[in-house]
Amino acid sequence: MDIKAVLTSHGVTMKQVAEQLNISQQAVSQAINGNPSLSRLQEIARVVGIPLSELVADDPSQPVEPLMRCPHCGAEIKIELK
């Protein structure tokens, strides 16, 4: 998960993210380089205008396939979007 690379690829700076979230650039940097909370990641994705899955993907150039798990047995359920 390279959040800074995703920001760069979408032409968004940490300063812009900080301004949109009304937090300091240091707080954005700490979130990007540390262990950000899910809510902080969702906020950053919203500012960039991308789905959260793209922000946290191992390889941002490869789309993440939607995946669900069966609530009863835990088996993976693959969802194909058309």
Protein backbone atom coordinates (compact mmCIF):
# COMPACT_ATOMS: atom_id res chain seq x y z
CA MET A 1 0.00 0.00 0.00
CA ASP A 2 1.77 3.11 -1.26
CA ILE A 3 -0.66 5.91 -0.49
CA LYS A 4 1.75 8.65 -1.49
CA ALA A 5 2.21 7.07 -4.94
CA VAL A 6 -1.57 6.91 -5.37
CA LEU A 7 -1.87 10.58 -4.43
CA THR A 8 0.88 11.49 -6.90
CA SER A 9 -0.67 9.43 -9.70
CA HIS A 10 -3.93 11.35 -9.24
CA GLY A 11 -2.20 14.73 -9.08
CA VAL A 12 -3.08 15.34 -5.44
CA THR A 13 -0.58 16.64 -2.90
CA MET A 14 -0.45 15.97 0.82
CA LYS A 15 -1.01 19.70 1.30
CA GLN A 16 -4.28 19.50 -0.66
CA VAL A 17 -5.41 16.49 1.37
CA ALA A 18 -4.56 18.31 4.60
CA GLU A 19 -6.51 21.40 3.52
CA GLN A 20 -9.56 19.36 2.50
CA LEU A 21 -9.56 17.41 5.77
CA ASN A 22 -8.76 20.50 7.83
CA ILE A 23 -5.74 18.83 9.43
CA SER A 24 -2.01 19.55 9.36
CA GLN A 25 0.32 18.21 6.70
CA GLN A 26 2.13 16.41 9.53
CA ALA A 27 -1.08 14.56 10.41
CA VAL A 28 -1.48 13.48 6.77
CA SER A 29 2.15 12.39 6.62
CA GLN A 30 1.79 10.38 9.83
CA ALA A 31 -1.35 8.70 8.49
CA ILE A 32 0.32 7.87 5.18
CA ASN A 33 3.58 6.61 6.71
CA GLY A 34 2.13 5.05 9.83
CA ASN A 35 -0.83 2.86 10.56
CA PRO A 36 -3.83 4.94 9.46
CA SER A 37 -7.32 4.21 10.72
CA LEU A 38 -9.98 3.02 8.32
CA SER A 39 -11.87 6.28 8.74
CA ARG A 40 -8.75 8.31 7.84
CA LEU A 41 -8.17 6.15 4.75
CA GLN A 42 -11.80 6.66 3.72
CA GLU A 43 -11.39 10.42 4.11
CA ILE A 44 -8.24 10.45 2.00
CA ALA A 45 -9.89 8.32 -0.70
CA ARG A 46 -12.86 10.71 -0.74
CA VAL A 47 -10.56 13.73 -1.18
CA VAL A 48 -8.69 12.04 -4.04
CA GLY A 49 -11.98 10.92 -5.60
CA ILE A 50 -11.19 7.22 -5.73
CA PRO A 51 -12.61 4.09 -4.11
CA LEU A 52 -10.93 3.02 -0.88
CA SER A 53 -9.87 -0.24 -2.53
CA GLU A 54 -7.67 1.68 -4.99
CA LEU A 55 -6.01 3.56 -2.16
CA VAL A 56 -5.04 0.44 -0.25
CA ALA A 57 -4.33 -1.95 -3.13
CA ASP A 58 -0.92 -3.62 -3.13
CA ASP A 59 -0.45 -2.58 -6.76
CA PRO A 60 -2.53 0.52 -7.57
CA SER A 61 -2.28 -0.19 -11.30
CA GLN A 62 -4.22 -3.42 -10.81
CA PRO A 63 -7.91 -3.03 -9.90
CA VAL A 64 -9.10 -4.89 -6.85
CA GLU A 65 -11.77 -7.47 -7.55
CA PRO A 66 -14.81 -7.19 -5.29
CA LEU A 67 -14.86 -10.11 -2.89
CA MET A 68 -17.31 -11.18 -0.23
CA ARG A 69 -17.27 -14.02 2.25
CA CYS A 70 -20.20 -16.24 3.03
CA PRO A 71 -21.42 -15.33 6.53
CA HIS A 72 -22.14 -19.00 7.25
CA CYS A 73 -19.09 -20.92 6.01
CA GLY A 74 -16.54 -18.17 5.29
CA ALA A 75 -16.05 -19.26 1.68
CA GLU A 76 -15.03 -16.56 -0.78
CA ILE A 77 -17.78 -15.26 -3.07
CA LYS A 78 -16.37 -13.58 -6.16
CA ILE A 79 -18.44 -10.76 -7.63
CA GLU A 80 -17.93 -9.89 -11.27
CA LEU A 81 -18.99 -6.43 -12.41
CA LYS A 82 -20.16 -6.10 -15.99
